[in-house]
């Protein structure tokens, strides 16, 4: 009897050594009870937080923010989170545009931001809190032109582009003519419905490189180069 008990203890010890500390010898021969895993070892699955949706990036506009939309311009309408409501549309001769859910919206005479707010008001009847962005992708109206008249090689209207300067315009029309009174040139600009003039010395700019005379231009500007007085 004593020998049998010694054998049982020896077997239990051997099992413990073979199975490791995760098992404890039971009262019955060969029985081993698995140790319960600790709470820290239990893995808990979690769903990662979804990052907030970012607003779609839009193409930079070739015109300034205060650009006045006119007939012939091409506009790109973005509707955030509702791309199917956006469109690329021309401004019709009647000054209006049409997009999904927005028909015959007057665009002419507005800047892009003002038009976007008007589109949002209409879409608010169908979409919750719409966010609209309007980009002038192809300015083509008379509001987007810069006119150079008078004593230049090729008087003409140029399509305005962002960052356009007086020197850019003069070079584009072939420079001053031999009869130009460049230092009496002026820019006629209309702001808030009222025209005013900016005097500029083109001869000093072209001949002497006086970059102080290289003023930035705006859509609708008229550069006037008078004739020399004899």
Protein backbone atom coordinates (compact mmCIF):
# COMPACT_ATOMS: atom_id res chain seq x y z
CA UNK A 1 0.00 0.00 0.00
CA UNK A 2 2.77 2.41 0.90
CA UNK A 3 4.63 1.50 -2.26
CA UNK A 4 1.52 2.24 -4.37
CA UNK A 5 1.19 5.71 -2.83
CA UNK A 6 4.86 6.44 -3.62
CA UNK A 7 4.31 5.38 -7.23
CA UNK A 8 1.27 7.67 -7.52
CA UNK A 9 3.24 10.65 -6.16
CA UNK A 10 6.12 9.95 -8.52
CA UNK A 11 3.75 9.79 -11.51
CA UNK A 12 2.04 13.01 -10.48
CA UNK A 13 5.42 14.74 -10.18
CA UNK A 14 6.48 13.50 -13.60
CA UNK A 15 3.24 14.76 -15.18
CA UNK A 16 3.72 18.16 -13.56
CA UNK A 17 7.25 18.41 -14.92
CA UNK A 18 6.21 17.29 -18.40
CA UNK A 19 3.09 19.48 -18.68
CA UNK A 20 4.62 22.56 -17.10
CA UNK A 21 3.19 24.94 -14.51
CA UNK A 22 -0.11 25.20 -16.40
CA UNK A 23 -1.20 21.87 -14.94
CA UNK A 24 -1.76 20.80 -11.34
CA UNK A 25 -1.74 17.15 -10.27
CA UNK A 26 -5.15 15.95 -9.18
CA UNK A 27 -6.03 13.44 -6.47
CA UNK A 28 -6.60 10.80 -9.11
CA UNK A 29 -3.73 9.05 -10.81
CA UNK A 30 -2.68 10.86 -14.00
CA UNK A 31 -5.33 13.61 -13.63
CA UNK A 32 -4.22 17.11 -14.43
CA UNK A 33 -6.30 20.31 -14.26
CA UNK A 34 -5.48 23.12 -16.72
CA UNK A 35 -4.81 26.51 -15.16
CA UNK A 36 -7.28 29.21 -16.13
CA UNK A 37 -5.73 31.96 -18.27
CA UNK A 38 -5.23 35.30 -16.56
CA UNK A 39 -7.50 38.24 -17.54
CA UNK A 40 -4.49 40.11 -18.92
CA UNK A 41 -3.80 37.28 -21.39
CA UNK A 42 -7.33 37.40 -22.78
CA UNK A 43 -7.37 39.29 -26.09
CA UNK A 44 -10.20 41.70 -26.66
CA UNK A 45 -11.03 42.56 -30.23
CA UNK A 46 -11.81 46.16 -30.96
CA UNK A 47 -12.90 47.95 -34.11
CA UNK A 48 -10.54 50.78 -35.10
CA UNK A 49 -12.09 54.21 -35.21
CA UNK A 50 -12.96 55.37 -38.69
CA UNK A 51 -11.18 58.54 -39.73
CA UNK A 52 -13.50 61.42 -40.60
CA UNK A 53 -14.11 61.88 -44.28
CA UNK A 54 -12.06 64.71 -45.73
CA UNK A 55 -13.43 67.28 -48.11
CA UNK A 56 -12.46 66.56 -51.70
CA UNK A 57 -9.59 68.61 -53.01
CA UNK A 58 -10.49 70.87 -55.89
CA UNK A 59 -8.44 72.23 -58.79
CA UNK A 60 -7.06 75.70 -58.09
CA UNK A 61 -9.00 78.40 -59.91
CA UNK A 62 -7.17 80.40 -62.61
CA UNK A 63 -9.05 83.54 -61.55
CA UNK A 64 -9.09 85.55 -58.29
CA UNK A 65 -11.77 84.98 -55.66
CA UNK A 66 -13.58 88.22 -56.57
CA UNK A 67 -13.79 87.30 -60.25
CA UNK A 68 -17.16 88.16 -61.78
CA UNK A 69 -18.68 85.29 -63.74
CA UNK A 70 -19.85 86.05 -67.26
CA UNK A 71 -21.36 84.33 -70.32
CA UNK A 72 -18.99 81.81 -71.91
CA UNK A 73 -17.16 80.90 -68.70
CA UNK A 74 -16.88 77.22 -67.81
CA UNK A 75 -17.66 76.36 -64.19
CA UNK A 76 -16.99 73.23 -62.18
CA UNK A 77 -19.53 72.64 -59.42
CA UNK A 78 -18.45 70.44 -56.49
CA UNK A 79 -20.96 69.13 -53.96
CA UNK A 80 -19.18 67.55 -50.99
CA UNK A 81 -20.29 63.97 -50.22
CA UNK A 82 -22.72 64.16 -53.16
CA UNK A 83 -20.54 64.04 -56.27
CA UNK A 84 -23.46 62.98 -58.43
CA UNK A 85 -24.96 66.47 -57.90
CA UNK A 86 -21.87 68.22 -59.26
CA UNK A 87 -21.17 69.06 -62.88
CA UNK A 88 -18.95 71.00 -65.25
CA UNK A 89 -21.16 73.46 -67.08
CA UNK A 90 -20.82 76.52 -69.32
CA UNK A 91 -22.49 79.80 -68.52
CA UNK A 92 -25.10 80.17 -71.23
CA UNK A 93 -25.61 83.36 -73.24
CA UNK A 94 -28.61 84.11 -71.02
CA UNK A 95 -26.25 84.14 -68.02
CA UNK A 96 -27.66 80.98 -66.41
CA UNK A 97 -26.43 77.46 -65.61
CA UNK A 98 -28.16 74.17 -64.94
CA UNK A 99 -26.92 71.26 -62.79
CA UNK A 100 -28.66 68.20 -61.30
CA UNK A 101 -31.53 69.50 -59.10
CA UNK A 102 -30.64 73.12 -59.92
CA UNK A 103 -32.19 74.50 -63.09
CA UNK A 104 -31.69 77.91 -64.68
CA UNK A 105 -29.61 79.39 -61.85
CA UNK A 106 -28.42 82.92 -62.64
CA UNK A 107 -24.60 82.90 -62.59
CA UNK A 108 -23.59 86.02 -64.48
CA UNK A 109 -22.60 88.99 -62.34
CA UNK A 110 -21.72 86.84 -59.29
CA UNK A 111 -18.36 85.76 -57.93
CA UNK A 112 -17.80 81.99 -57.44
CA UNK A 113 -18.46 82.12 -53.69
CA UNK A 114 -21.79 83.93 -54.09
CA UNK A 115 -22.91 81.44 -56.74
CA UNK A 116 -21.95 78.51 -54.48
CA UNK A 117 -24.12 79.91 -51.66
CA UNK A 118 -27.08 80.27 -54.04
CA UNK A 119 -26.68 76.68 -55.24
CA UNK A 120 -26.55 75.50 -51.61
CA UNK A 121 -29.90 77.18 -50.89
CA UNK A 122 -31.56 75.23 -53.70
CA UNK A 123 -29.90 71.92 -52.81
CA UNK A 124 -30.90 72.33 -49.16
CA UNK A 125 -34.42 71.32 -50.22
CA UNK A 126 -33.07 67.88 -51.19
CA UNK A 127 -29.78 67.40 -49.31
CA UNK A 128 -29.01 67.97 -45.66
CA UNK A 129 -26.44 70.76 -45.13
CA UNK A 130 -24.97 70.81 -48.65
CA UNK A 131 -21.47 72.19 -49.13
CA UNK A 132 -20.80 73.56 -52.59
CA UNK A 133 -17.64 74.86 -54.22
CA UNK A 134 -17.57 76.66 -57.58
CA UNK A 135 -14.39 76.82 -59.66
CA UNK A 136 -14.01 78.87 -62.85
CA UNK A 137 -11.98 76.40 -64.91
CA UNK A 138 -12.06 78.28 -68.22
CA UNK A 139 -12.64 82.04 -68.02
CA UNK A 140 -13.84 83.18 -71.43
CA UNK A 141 -16.26 86.04 -70.86
CA UNK A 142 -15.54 89.74 -71.40
CA UNK A 143 -15.18 90.00 -67.63
CA UNK A 144 -12.12 87.76 -67.83
CA UNK A 145 -10.33 89.73 -70.51
CA UNK A 146 -7.65 92.41 -70.31
CA UNK A 147 -7.76 94.88 -73.22
CA UNK A 148 -4.69 96.69 -74.52
CA UNK A 149 -5.48 99.59 -76.84
CA UNK A 150 -3.64 102.52 -78.36
CA UNK A 151 -0.02 102.67 -79.46
CA UNK A 152 1.08 99.06 -79.20
CA UNK A 153 2.16 96.68 -81.93
CA UNK A 154 -1.02 94.55 -81.87
CA UNK A 155 -3.92 96.05 -79.88
CA UNK A 156 -6.12 93.22 -78.67
CA UNK A 157 -8.02 91.61 -75.80
CA UNK A 158 -6.09 89.00 -73.82
CA UNK A 159 -7.51 86.21 -71.69
CA UNK A 160 -6.76 87.04 -68.06
CA UNK A 161 -4.75 84.60 -65.96
CA UNK A 162 -3.92 84.66 -62.26
CA UNK A 163 -0.84 86.78 -61.52
CA UNK A 164 -0.93 88.65 -64.84
CA UNK A 165 1.02 91.94 -64.82
CA UNK A 166 1.37 95.00 -67.06
CA UNK A 167 4.64 93.70 -68.48
CA UNK A 168 3.01 90.38 -69.37
CA UNK A 169 0.32 92.22 -71.31
CA UNK A 170 2.72 94.56 -73.11
CA UNK A 171 4.94 91.67 -74.22
CA UNK A 172 1.90 89.68 -75.39
CA UNK A 173 0.86 92.48 -77.77
CA UNK A 174 4.36 92.93 -79.20
CA UNK A 175 5.51 95.92 -77.18
CA UNK A 176 5.05 99.65 -77.67
CA UNK A 177 4.88 101.26 -81.08
CA UNK A 178 7.35 103.96 -82.17
CA UNK A 179 4.73 106.63 -81.59
CA UNK A 180 3.75 105.49 -78.09
CA UNK A 181 3.81 107.93 -75.20
CA UNK A 182 4.51 105.11 -72.77
CA UNK A 183 4.98 107.29 -69.70
CA UNK A 184 1.45 108.63 -70.11
CA UNK A 185 -0.18 105.21 -70.17
CA UNK A 186 -2.99 104.37 -67.78
CA UNK A 187 -5.05 101.43 -66.58
CA UNK A 188 -8.81 101.92 -66.58
CA UNK A 189 -10.33 99.69 -63.92
CA UNK A 190 -13.96 99.32 -62.86
CA UNK A 191 -14.61 98.54 -59.20
CA UNK A 192 -18.03 98.51 -57.55
CA UNK A 193 -19.50 99.78 -60.81
CA UNK A 194 -17.28 102.88 -60.88
CA UNK A 195 -14.32 103.31 -63.28
CA UNK A 196 -11.07 104.84 -62.10
CA UNK A 197 -7.61 105.27 -63.59
CA UNK A 198 -4.14 104.15 -62.51
CA UNK A 199 -1.28 106.06 -64.10
CA UNK A 200 1.69 104.02 -65.24
CA UNK A 201 5.00 104.85 -66.93
CA UNK A 202 5.38 102.09 -69.48
CA UNK A 203 8.49 103.57 -71.11
CA UNK A 204 10.36 103.42 -67.81
CA UNK A 205 9.20 99.83 -67.34
CA UNK A 206 10.10 98.62 -70.83
CA UNK A 207 13.22 100.68 -71.50
CA UNK A 208 14.70 101.20 -68.02
CA UNK A 209 13.43 98.11 -66.23
CA UNK A 210 11.60 100.08 -63.52
CA UNK A 211 9.68 97.18 -61.97
CA UNK A 212 7.72 99.55 -59.74
CA UNK A 213 5.63 100.24 -62.83
CA UNK A 214 4.85 96.54 -63.32
CA UNK A 215 1.45 96.66 -61.65
CA UNK A 216 -0.74 93.58 -61.31
CA UNK A 217 -3.74 93.46 -63.61
CA UNK A 218 -7.27 92.40 -62.87
CA UNK A 219 -9.97 90.91 -65.10
CA UNK A 220 -11.72 93.65 -67.07
CA UNK A 221 -8.77 96.06 -66.97
CA UNK A 222 -8.13 98.27 -70.02
CA UNK A 223 -4.53 99.35 -70.62
CA UNK A 224 -4.51 102.57 -72.64
CA UNK A 225 -1.28 103.70 -74.37
CA UNK A 226 -1.66 107.18 -75.87
CA UNK A 227 0.18 108.61 -78.87
CA UNK A 228 3.16 110.92 -78.53
CA UNK A 229 2.38 114.62 -78.89
CA UNK A 230 4.33 116.36 -81.64
